[in-house]
Amino acid sequence: DFINIDFFAKDLKITLPIYHSNGNQFNSLSLFGSINKDEISVYTPSKSISIKVKGDQKDITLNNIDLSVDDFLDSKMPAIAGLFSKERKEKPSSKEIQDEDIFISAKQR
């Protein structure tokens, strides 16, 4: 079993629905990141893009980047398409629903 995995991917040739501030579309991407039992962190060397996934929380930060929402929603990339899939997802358990209700009630106070 791996506890921590650090990685670096250089010059990935992928087409993303994101653009430099000058209007040119990203066609290459380099990424640093780490994966451990609690979270996944991925970011570009310039930190213009960073992604952090911990449990059900997913944080995506774009700095000085333009995002085409239409292109993003129409993306055929499996990771992006899966976010907006209309396929039926697993229903939350009654415990998960109760925990969420408690959280929302506490947040509204």
C-alpha atoms as a PDB file:
ATOM      1  CA  ASP A   1       0.000   0.000   0.000  1.00  0.00           C
ATOM      2  CA  PHE A   2       1.216   3.455  -0.905  1.00  0.00           C
ATOM      3  CA  ILE A   3       0.763   6.158   1.698  1.00  0.00           C
ATOM      4  CA  ASN A   4       1.849   9.159  -0.375  1.00  0.00           C
ATOM      5  CA  ILE A   5       2.430   9.530  -4.093  1.00  0.00           C
ATOM      6  CA  ASP A   6       4.009  12.709  -5.472  1.00  0.00           C
ATOM      7  CA  PHE A   7       3.966  13.245  -9.226  1.00  0.00           C
ATOM      8  CA  PHE A   8       5.021  15.612 -11.987  1.00  0.00           C
ATOM      9  CA  ALA A   9       3.643  15.570 -15.526  1.00  0.00           C
ATOM     10  CA  LYS A  10       5.348  17.806 -18.078  1.00  0.00           C
ATOM     11  CA  ASP A  11       3.868  19.183 -21.294  1.00  0.00           C
ATOM     12  CA  LEU A  12       0.701  17.107 -21.441  1.00  0.00           C
ATOM     13  CA  LYS A  13      -0.835  17.647 -24.875  1.00  0.00           C
ATOM     14  CA  ILE A  14      -4.510  18.071 -24.068  1.00  0.00           C
ATOM     15  CA  THR A  15      -7.242  20.422 -25.180  1.00  0.00           C
ATOM     16  CA  LEU A  16      -9.088  22.036 -22.297  1.00  0.00           C
ATOM     17  CA  PRO A  17     -11.916  24.599 -22.286  1.00  0.00           C
ATOM     18  CA  ILE A  18      -9.574  27.112 -20.616  1.00  0.00           C
ATOM     19  CA  TYR A  19      -7.728  30.045 -22.118  1.00  0.00           C
ATOM     20  CA  HIS A  20      -4.760  32.225 -21.239  1.00  0.00           C
ATOM     21  CA  SER A  21      -5.689  35.820 -20.438  1.00  0.00           C
ATOM     22  CA  ASN A  22      -4.497  36.735 -23.980  1.00  0.00           C
ATOM     23  CA  GLY A  23      -7.237  34.512 -25.486  1.00  0.00           C
ATOM     24  CA  ASN A  24      -5.040  31.600 -26.590  1.00  0.00           C
ATOM     25  CA  GLN A  25      -6.397  28.189 -25.653  1.00  0.00           C
ATOM     26  CA  PHE A  26      -4.302  25.913 -23.430  1.00  0.00           C
ATOM     27  CA  ASN A  27      -2.902  23.101 -25.563  1.00  0.00           C
ATOM     28  CA  SER A  28      -0.206  21.892 -23.191  1.00  0.00           C
ATOM     29  CA  LEU A  29      -0.154  21.587 -19.437  1.00  0.00           C
ATOM     30  CA  SER A  30       2.405  20.681 -16.786  1.00  0.00           C
ATOM     31  CA  LEU A  31       1.211  19.501 -13.385  1.00  0.00           C
ATOM     32  CA  PHE A  32       2.621  18.812  -9.943  1.00  0.00           C
ATOM     33  CA  GLY A  33       0.657  16.971  -7.346  1.00  0.00           C
ATOM     34  CA  SER A  34       0.314  14.513  -4.537  1.00  0.00           C
ATOM     35  CA  ILE A  35      -2.094  11.750  -3.670  1.00  0.00           C
ATOM     36  CA  ASN A  36      -2.527  10.298  -0.203  1.00  0.00           C
ATOM     37  CA  LYS A  37      -5.262   8.488   1.676  1.00  0.00           C
ATOM     38  CA  ASP A  38      -6.988  11.751   2.673  1.00  0.00           C
ATOM     39  CA  GLU A  39      -6.673  14.058  -0.321  1.00  0.00           C
ATOM     40  CA  ILE A  40      -5.519  14.713  -3.851  1.00  0.00           C
ATOM     41  CA  SER A  41      -3.752  17.977  -4.723  1.00  0.00           C
ATOM     42  CA  VAL A  42      -2.864  19.001  -8.278  1.00  0.00           C
ATOM     43  CA  TYR A  43      -1.473  22.328  -9.473  1.00  0.00           C
ATOM     44  CA  THR A  44       0.442  23.933 -12.309  1.00  0.00           C
ATOM     45  CA  PRO A  45       3.999  25.158 -11.682  1.00  0.00           C
ATOM     46  CA  SER A  46       2.778  28.787 -11.884  1.00  0.00           C
ATOM     47  CA  LYS A  47      -0.163  27.939  -9.550  1.00  0.00           C
ATOM     48  CA  SER A  48      -2.519  29.417 -12.153  1.00  0.00           C
ATOM     49  CA  ILE A  49      -4.590  26.238 -11.803  1.00  0.00           C
ATOM     50  CA  SER A  50      -4.976  24.261  -8.598  1.00  0.00           C
ATOM     51  CA  ILE A  51      -7.302  21.419  -7.686  1.00  0.00           C
ATOM     52  CA  LYS A  52      -7.805  19.909  -4.251  1.00  0.00           C
ATOM     53  CA  VAL A  53     -10.096  16.976  -3.504  1.00  0.00           C
ATOM     54  CA  LYS A  54     -10.684  15.946   0.094  1.00  0.00           C
ATOM     55  CA  GLY A  55     -13.662  13.737   0.858  1.00  0.00           C
ATOM     56  CA  ASP A  56     -16.703  15.189  -0.878  1.00  0.00           C
ATOM     57  CA  GLN A  57     -15.115  18.645  -1.108  1.00  0.00           C
ATOM     58  CA  LYS A  58     -13.636  19.598  -4.470  1.00  0.00           C
ATOM     59  CA  ASP A  59     -11.880  22.965  -4.790  1.00  0.00           C
ATOM     60  CA  ILE A  60     -10.775  24.275  -8.185  1.00  0.00           C
ATOM     61  CA  THR A  61      -8.910  27.584  -8.385  1.00  0.00           C
ATOM     62  CA  LEU A  62      -8.135  29.418 -11.632  1.00  0.00           C
ATOM     63  CA  ASN A  63      -5.875  32.503 -11.495  1.00  0.00           C
ATOM     64  CA  ASN A  64      -5.548  34.739 -14.580  1.00  0.00           C
ATOM     65  CA  ILE A  65      -7.315  32.081 -16.635  1.00  0.00           C
ATOM     66  CA  ASP A  66     -10.443  32.432 -18.755  1.00  0.00           C
ATOM     67  CA  LEU A  67     -12.903  29.553 -18.688  1.00  0.00           C
ATOM     68  CA  SER A  68     -15.444  28.997 -21.441  1.00  0.00           C
ATOM     69  CA  VAL A  69     -18.442  27.737 -19.476  1.00  0.00           C
ATOM     70  CA  ASP A  70     -20.167  26.519 -22.661  1.00  0.00           C
ATOM     71  CA  ASP A  71     -17.066  24.562 -23.735  1.00  0.00           C
ATOM     72  CA  PHE A  72     -16.657  23.228 -20.193  1.00  0.00           C
ATOM     73  CA  LEU A  73     -20.255  21.988 -19.978  1.00  0.00           C
ATOM     74  CA  ASP A  74     -19.998  20.417 -23.464  1.00  0.00           C
ATOM     75  CA  SER A  75     -16.620  18.789 -22.759  1.00  0.00           C
ATOM     76  CA  LYS A  76     -16.169  15.156 -23.779  1.00  0.00           C
ATOM     77  CA  MET A  77     -13.288  14.629 -21.323  1.00  0.00           C
ATOM     78  CA  PRO A  78     -14.414  11.798 -19.004  1.00  0.00           C
ATOM     79  CA  ALA A  79     -13.479  13.652 -15.795  1.00  0.00           C
ATOM     80  CA  ILE A  80     -15.479  16.734 -16.785  1.00  0.00           C
ATOM     81  CA  ALA A  81     -18.351  14.877 -18.457  1.00  0.00           C
ATOM     82  CA  GLY A  82     -18.752  12.708 -15.346  1.00  0.00           C
ATOM     83  CA  LEU A  83     -19.339  15.789 -13.196  1.00  0.00           C
ATOM     84  CA  PHE A  84     -22.454  16.642 -15.187  1.00  0.00           C
ATOM     85  CA  SER A  85     -23.630  13.149 -16.070  1.00  0.00           C
ATOM     86  CA  LYS A  86     -27.359  12.608 -15.816  1.00  0.00           C
ATOM     87  CA  GLU A  87     -26.807   8.962 -14.951  1.00  0.00           C
ATOM     88  CA  ARG A  88     -28.320   7.952 -11.666  1.00  0.00           C
ATOM     89  CA  LYS A  89     -25.844   8.251  -8.840  1.00  0.00           C
ATOM     90  CA  GLU A  90     -25.827   6.283  -5.628  1.00  0.00           C
ATOM     91  CA  LYS A  91     -28.378   7.663  -3.189  1.00  0.00           C
ATOM     92  CA  PRO A  92     -27.040   9.001   0.107  1.00  0.00           C
ATOM     93  CA  SER A  93     -27.599   6.877   3.181  1.00  0.00           C
ATOM     94  CA  SER A  94     -29.995   8.031   5.904  1.00  0.00           C
ATOM     95  CA  LYS A  95     -26.944   8.760   8.107  1.00  0.00           C
ATOM     96  CA  GLU A  96     -25.443  10.979   5.375  1.00  0.00           C
ATOM     97  CA  ILE A  97     -28.755  12.821   4.982  1.00  0.00           C
ATOM     98  CA  GLN A  98     -29.013  13.311   8.746  1.00  0.00           C
ATOM     99  CA  ASP A  99     -25.417  14.593   8.942  1.00  0.00           C
ATOM    100  CA  GLU A 100     -26.082  17.036   6.116  1.00  0.00           C
ATOM    101  CA  ASP A 101     -29.281  18.278   7.793  1.00  0.00           C
ATOM    102  CA  ILE A 102     -27.368  18.866  11.044  1.00  0.00           C
ATOM    103  CA  PHE A 103     -24.638  20.723   9.152  1.00  0.00           C
ATOM    104  CA  ILE A 104     -27.128  22.937   7.300  1.00  0.00           C
ATOM    105  CA  SER A 105     -29.033  23.719  10.516  1.00  0.00           C
ATOM    106  CA  ALA A 106     -25.812  24.670  12.295  1.00  0.00           C
ATOM    107  CA  LYS A 107     -24.702  26.813   9.359  1.00  0.00           C
ATOM    108  CA  GLN A 108     -28.011  28.717   9.313  1.00  0.00           C
ATOM    109  CA  ARG A 109     -27.715  29.759  12.965  1.00  0.00           C
END
